[in-house]
Each structure stands twice: as C-alpha cells, then as structure tokens.
Amino acid sequence: MNKKSKIISPCDEKCPVRASLTLLSGKWTLLILFQINENVIRYGELKRAIPGISEKMLIQELNMLVENKLVSKKVYPEIPPKVEYSLTELGLKTLPVVDKLAEFGLENLV
C-alpha cells in the first residue's frame, strides 16, 4: 500500500494516536521513560539524569506513570526511605517509540 492510498480515520475518542498521547504527552514523560529504560533506578539518580525538572514535577510525573501502569515503584521500609523505579511490561513497550525519537533527534537536531 503506498502512502497516498492509506486511509487515516478521524482522531476521535477511539483514535489510537490520541489514546497514546494521553499517556505519553507530559512534558517530562518520555525523558523519564528514556532514563529508566530497562534499568531499576532510584529517585535521586533519576533527578540527576534529567536536568531542569523540579522535584514537584518529577514526583507528579512518576505518580502519573505509576497510576497509568507504565512504571513500577518499589518502596523499601528503611530510614532514609529507599524507592526504586522500573518500567512495567507496558512501559517497556514504549521504548521503541522513545528510541525512534532519540534516533530522529540524533539524525536531525543534535
């Protein structure tokens, strides 16, 4: 099928692009997913890996990602508190999208 004959349906509430953007369109969301990647990462490491993000925004984005089942949060009962983040199975499915964005940025913008 060539590009001209591809039928694109309207972006209504059933649109898969709209649904994906709802989960991934936060200003910091893709950067957080990119940094966690296939690793288990602690909050402080994540904060240092994303310059410019405030603590409030990082916490807010992480909570949203956990709520949307893209990120898993493991809290250890220690003092000081130890919290680790990793991508869930659903979160891992976003990595090809993130990798393509990184590839595009390297080839065209950086």
Protein backbone atom coordinates (compact mmCIF):
# COMPACT_ATOMS: atom_id res chain seq x y z
CA MET A 1 0.00 0.00 0.00
CA ASN A 2 1.51 3.33 -0.97
CA LYS A 3 1.27 6.42 1.21
CA LYS A 4 -1.33 8.15 -0.96
CA SER A 5 -3.85 5.31 -0.63
CA LYS A 6 -3.53 4.99 3.16
CA ILE A 7 -6.81 5.80 4.83
CA ILE A 8 -6.48 7.81 8.02
CA SER A 9 -9.53 7.83 10.24
CA PRO A 10 -10.57 10.85 12.31
CA CYS A 11 -8.84 11.37 15.65
CA ASP A 12 -11.94 10.92 17.80
CA GLU A 13 -12.07 9.28 21.23
CA LYS A 14 -11.31 5.88 19.63
CA CYS A 15 -8.16 7.13 17.91
CA PRO A 16 -5.07 5.10 18.93
CA VAL A 17 -2.79 8.12 18.48
CA ARG A 18 -4.94 10.21 20.82
CA ALA A 19 -5.02 7.38 23.39
CA SER A 20 -1.22 7.04 23.21
CA LEU A 21 -0.71 10.79 23.55
CA THR A 22 -2.92 10.81 26.63
CA LEU A 23 -0.41 8.50 28.32
CA LEU A 24 2.81 9.91 26.86
CA SER A 25 2.31 13.64 26.29
CA GLY A 26 3.57 15.02 29.60
CA LYS A 27 6.47 17.43 29.18
CA TRP A 28 8.84 15.10 31.05
CA THR A 29 7.19 11.71 30.45
CA LEU A 30 9.32 10.46 27.58
CA LEU A 31 12.53 11.70 29.20
CA ILE A 32 11.67 9.78 32.36
CA LEU A 33 10.87 6.62 30.40
CA PHE A 34 14.10 7.06 28.41
CA GLN A 35 16.16 7.39 31.60
CA ILE A 36 14.59 4.44 33.39
CA ASN A 37 14.74 2.29 30.25
CA GLU A 38 15.49 -1.35 31.15
CA ASN A 39 17.10 -0.36 34.46
CA VAL A 40 15.99 -0.17 38.06
CA ILE A 41 16.69 3.41 39.12
CA ARG A 42 16.39 5.33 42.36
CA TYR A 43 14.69 8.71 42.67
CA GLY A 44 17.94 10.66 43.20
CA GLU A 45 19.56 9.09 40.14
CA LEU A 46 16.54 9.98 38.06
CA LYS A 47 16.54 13.57 39.35
CA ARG A 48 20.22 13.97 38.43
CA ALA A 49 19.69 12.39 34.99
CA ILE A 50 17.04 14.97 33.97
CA PRO A 51 18.42 18.48 34.45
CA GLY A 52 15.77 21.18 34.73
CA ILE A 53 12.96 19.09 36.19
CA SER A 54 11.73 20.24 39.59
CA GLU A 55 11.15 17.80 42.43
CA LYS A 56 7.44 18.57 42.32
CA MET A 57 7.21 17.78 38.60
CA LEU A 58 9.30 14.61 38.86
CA ILE A 59 7.14 13.30 41.70
CA GLN A 60 3.96 14.27 39.83
CA GLU A 61 5.10 12.61 36.59
CA LEU A 62 6.30 9.47 38.37
CA ASN A 63 2.98 9.16 40.20
CA MET A 64 1.12 9.56 36.91
CA LEU A 65 3.32 6.93 35.25
CA VAL A 66 2.74 4.53 38.15
CA GLU A 67 -1.01 5.21 38.04
CA ASN A 68 -1.05 4.52 34.28
CA LYS A 69 0.90 1.29 34.85
CA LEU A 70 3.92 2.35 32.79
CA VAL A 71 6.28 2.47 35.79
CA SER A 72 6.57 0.27 38.84
CA LYS A 73 7.51 1.80 42.20
CA LYS A 74 9.10 -0.30 44.94
CA VAL A 75 9.39 1.24 48.40
CA TYR A 76 11.72 -0.35 50.94
CA PRO A 77 10.89 0.04 54.65
CA GLU A 78 14.18 1.75 55.51
CA ILE A 79 15.30 5.02 57.01
CA PRO A 80 16.10 7.03 55.00
CA PRO A 81 13.44 5.75 52.57
CA LYS A 82 14.67 3.82 49.56
CA VAL A 83 12.46 3.90 46.45
CA GLU A 84 13.22 2.22 43.15
CA TYR A 85 11.51 2.69 39.80
CA SER A 86 11.43 0.38 36.80
CA LEU A 87 9.33 0.08 33.68
CA THR A 88 6.42 -2.32 33.71
CA GLU A 89 5.70 -4.63 30.79
CA LEU A 90 3.51 -1.88 29.34
CA GLY A 91 6.23 0.71 29.96
CA LEU A 92 8.79 -1.44 28.15
CA LYS A 93 6.53 -1.34 25.08
CA THR A 94 7.12 2.43 24.88
CA LEU A 95 10.89 2.02 24.43
CA PRO A 96 10.77 1.55 20.63
CA VAL A 97 8.87 4.86 20.40
CA VAL A 98 11.41 6.58 22.67
CA ASP A 99 14.29 5.03 20.74
CA LYS A 100 12.86 6.29 17.43
CA LEU A 101 12.56 9.80 18.88
CA ALA A 102 16.17 9.61 20.07
CA GLU A 103 17.26 8.39 16.63
CA PHE A 104 15.35 11.22 14.95
CA GLY A 105 16.95 13.76 17.31
CA LEU A 106 20.45 12.42 16.66
CA GLU A 107 20.00 12.42 12.90
CA ASN A 108 18.25 15.76 12.52
CA LEU A 109 18.54 18.00 15.56
CA VAL A 110 21.69 17.43 17.58
